[in-house]
Amino acid sequence: MQIYDQLSLLSSNTTNSRVSSIHSAFAKNIQKKQNLKNKTASKPSSHCRSHITELVISKFCSNLEQMLLPMLSFQTQSNNNRWVTWVSNNTIDKNLLLDFGVELDFLRMIYPKNQTDLFSLTSKALSTGNSQCVVSIFDSITEQQRIELNKAAELGQCTGILVTLRN
């Protein structure tokens, strides 16, 4: 604001036409910045359209947990008082979780009975809003299921990490 006041003072002491055009341009620039700031502030903070990330990994991968545990560790350490939820038939040893720095107080593990339960439990974990991140391991997943899980994640303001195993 000081510069604006100095321009006003300057315009009264010097040639009106030149300073007036500078003053006018400066005022327009301030107005443009304010309009841009207002537009930016009213937009939602989400930068991506999808709340789901899918990792495609070979069924024969022998170190699947070692690949996923650093992500779990990061998510549990950067928690925002919501769970990190693991939904899978694959069990993980507690000591392995601790070795990778996973904060067990923020990790919820759900072991479904079958692939149908896996999908419904993943959808519920994504949509309820009490998980910040849901990690699920699927043998296969359809495009329609991906769409439904993305909608569930959007509803629960949650990130989903889907691991799909392929040959």
Protein backbone atom coordinates (compact mmCIF):
# COMPACT_ATOMS: atom_id res chain seq x y z
CA MET A 1 0.00 0.00 0.00
CA GLN A 2 2.94 2.37 0.56
CA ILE A 3 3.85 2.32 -3.10
CA TYR A 4 0.26 3.10 -4.04
CA ASP A 5 0.24 6.12 -1.69
CA GLN A 6 3.60 7.29 -3.06
CA LEU A 7 2.22 7.13 -6.59
CA SER A 8 -0.77 9.23 -5.54
CA LEU A 9 1.55 11.81 -4.00
CA LEU A 10 3.80 11.72 -7.04
CA SER A 11 0.89 12.24 -9.42
CA SER A 12 -0.07 15.47 -7.69
CA ASN A 13 3.50 16.86 -7.93
CA THR A 14 4.51 15.95 -11.48
CA THR A 15 3.19 15.75 -14.97
CA ASN A 16 -0.29 14.38 -14.70
CA SER A 17 -0.55 12.39 -17.92
CA ARG A 18 2.52 10.18 -17.49
CA VAL A 19 2.12 9.54 -13.77
CA SER A 20 -1.60 9.12 -14.15
CA SER A 21 -1.08 6.30 -16.67
CA ILE A 22 1.48 4.63 -14.37
CA HIS A 23 -0.90 5.05 -11.44
CA SER A 24 -3.76 3.60 -13.46
CA ALA A 25 -1.69 0.61 -14.64
CA PHE A 26 -0.53 -0.05 -11.10
CA ALA A 27 -4.09 0.05 -9.78
CA LYS A 28 -5.26 -2.33 -12.52
CA ASN A 29 -2.42 -4.72 -11.68
CA ILE A 30 -3.43 -4.70 -8.01
CA GLN A 31 -7.04 -5.39 -9.01
CA LYS A 32 -6.01 -8.30 -11.28
CA LYS A 33 -3.95 -9.84 -8.48
CA GLN A 34 -6.87 -9.49 -6.06
CA ASN A 35 -9.28 -11.09 -8.56
CA LEU A 36 -6.86 -13.96 -9.16
CA LYS A 37 -6.45 -14.44 -5.42
CA ASN A 38 -10.23 -14.54 -4.95
CA LYS A 39 -10.68 -17.07 -7.78
CA THR A 40 -7.90 -19.28 -6.42
CA ALA A 41 -9.29 -19.16 -2.89
CA SER A 42 -12.73 -20.31 -4.03
CA LYS A 43 -11.45 -23.38 -5.91
CA PRO A 44 -11.25 -26.72 -4.11
CA SER A 45 -7.81 -27.72 -2.91
CA SER A 46 -7.79 -31.07 -4.70
CA HIS A 47 -5.34 -31.03 -7.59
CA CYS A 48 -6.21 -34.40 -9.07
CA ARG A 49 -9.45 -35.93 -10.22
CA SER A 50 -8.76 -39.41 -8.92
CA HIS A 51 -8.40 -40.38 -5.29
CA ILE A 52 -7.15 -43.81 -6.31
CA THR A 53 -3.65 -44.91 -7.26
CA GLU A 54 -3.27 -48.34 -8.76
CA LEU A 55 -0.09 -50.38 -8.68
CA VAL A 56 0.09 -53.37 -11.00
CA ILE A 57 2.50 -55.99 -9.68
CA SER A 58 3.33 -59.51 -10.78
CA LYS A 59 1.60 -62.31 -8.88
CA PHE A 60 5.01 -63.89 -8.59
CA CYS A 61 6.57 -60.91 -6.81
CA SER A 62 8.29 -62.32 -3.76
CA ASN A 63 8.79 -59.02 -1.91
CA LEU A 64 5.38 -57.37 -2.23
CA GLU A 65 5.24 -56.37 1.43
CA GLN A 66 8.74 -54.88 1.32
CA MET A 67 7.62 -52.71 -1.60
CA LEU A 68 4.45 -51.53 0.16
CA LEU A 69 5.71 -51.10 3.72
CA PRO A 70 7.62 -47.84 3.09
CA MET A 71 4.32 -46.35 1.83
CA LEU A 72 2.50 -47.62 4.90
CA SER A 73 5.22 -46.22 7.13
CA PHE A 74 5.02 -42.80 5.49
CA GLN A 75 1.23 -42.73 5.68
CA THR A 76 1.12 -43.74 9.36
CA GLN A 77 3.79 -41.20 10.31
CA SER A 78 2.07 -38.35 8.50
CA ASN A 79 -1.35 -39.16 9.91
CA ASN A 80 -4.00 -36.58 10.48
CA ASN A 81 -5.77 -38.47 13.26
CA ARG A 82 -7.30 -40.89 10.80
CA TRP A 83 -6.47 -44.52 10.15
CA VAL A 84 -4.29 -46.05 7.50
CA THR A 85 -6.27 -49.15 6.59
CA TRP A 86 -4.81 -52.34 5.09
CA VAL A 87 -7.50 -54.51 3.44
CA SER A 88 -6.03 -57.76 2.15
CA ASN A 89 -5.87 -61.50 2.53
CA ASN A 90 -2.10 -61.05 2.89
CA THR A 91 -1.07 -60.91 6.53
CA ILE A 92 2.03 -58.99 7.55
CA ASP A 93 4.24 -59.84 10.51
CA LYS A 94 4.09 -57.21 13.26
CA ASN A 95 7.91 -57.18 13.59
CA LEU A 96 8.26 -56.50 9.86
CA LEU A 97 5.88 -53.55 10.21
CA LEU A 98 7.93 -52.19 13.10
CA ASP A 99 11.19 -52.71 11.18
CA PHE A 100 9.87 -50.45 8.43
CA GLY A 101 8.78 -47.78 10.92
CA VAL A 102 5.03 -48.30 10.62
CA GLU A 103 3.19 -46.58 13.48
CA LEU A 104 0.93 -49.40 14.65
CA ASP A 105 -1.31 -47.00 16.60
CA PHE A 106 -2.52 -45.56 13.29
CA LEU A 107 -2.75 -48.81 11.30
CA ARG A 108 -5.95 -50.81 10.98
CA MET A 109 -5.73 -54.23 9.31
CA ILE A 110 -8.80 -55.93 7.82
CA TYR A 111 -8.68 -59.48 6.46
CA PRO A 112 -11.67 -60.25 4.21
CA LYS A 113 -12.94 -63.78 3.58
CA ASN A 114 -13.05 -63.53 -0.23
CA GLN A 115 -12.72 -61.14 -3.20
CA THR A 116 -16.35 -59.95 -2.89
CA ASP A 117 -15.80 -59.04 0.74
CA LEU A 118 -12.49 -57.43 -0.24
CA PHE A 119 -14.25 -55.05 -2.61
CA SER A 120 -17.09 -54.17 -0.22
CA LEU A 121 -14.76 -53.70 2.78
CA THR A 122 -12.40 -51.54 0.71
CA SER A 123 -15.31 -49.42 -0.49
CA LYS A 124 -16.61 -49.00 3.06
CA ALA A 125 -13.15 -48.13 4.42
CA LEU A 126 -12.73 -45.49 1.70
CA SER A 127 -16.16 -43.91 2.10
CA THR A 128 -16.60 -43.70 5.89
CA GLY A 129 -14.11 -40.84 6.33
CA ASN A 130 -12.16 -42.32 9.22
CA SER A 131 -9.20 -43.47 7.06
CA GLN A 132 -6.74 -41.13 5.44
CA CYS A 133 -5.43 -43.92 3.21
CA VAL A 134 -6.73 -47.38 2.33
CA VAL A 135 -4.40 -49.98 0.81
CA SER A 136 -6.01 -53.03 -0.81
CA ILE A 137 -4.57 -55.94 -2.76
CA PHE A 138 -6.81 -57.38 -5.49
CA ASP A 139 -6.32 -60.39 -7.74
CA SER A 140 -8.26 -58.45 -10.37
CA ILE A 141 -10.50 -55.42 -10.54
CA THR A 142 -12.93 -54.17 -13.18
CA GLU A 143 -13.15 -50.65 -14.52
CA GLN A 144 -16.59 -50.28 -12.91
CA GLN A 145 -15.12 -51.28 -9.53
CA ARG A 146 -12.34 -48.70 -9.97
CA ILE A 147 -14.95 -46.02 -10.63
CA GLU A 148 -16.97 -47.07 -7.57
CA LEU A 149 -13.88 -47.09 -5.35
CA ASN A 150 -12.87 -43.65 -6.60
CA LYS A 151 -16.34 -42.32 -5.73
CA ALA A 152 -16.07 -43.91 -2.28
CA ALA A 153 -12.64 -42.32 -1.74
CA GLU A 154 -13.96 -38.93 -2.82
CA LEU A 155 -16.89 -39.27 -0.43
CA GLY A 156 -14.60 -40.19 2.47
CA GLN A 157 -11.93 -37.63 1.47
CA CYS A 158 -9.47 -40.49 1.44
CA THR A 159 -6.63 -41.78 -0.73
CA GLY A 160 -6.86 -45.32 -2.02
CA ILE A 161 -3.90 -47.43 -3.08
CA LEU A 162 -5.04 -50.44 -5.06
CA VAL A 163 -2.51 -53.15 -5.73
CA THR A 164 -3.54 -55.40 -8.59
CA LEU A 165 -1.72 -58.69 -9.05
CA ARG A 166 -1.17 -59.86 -12.63
CA ASN A 167 0.64 -62.74 -14.33
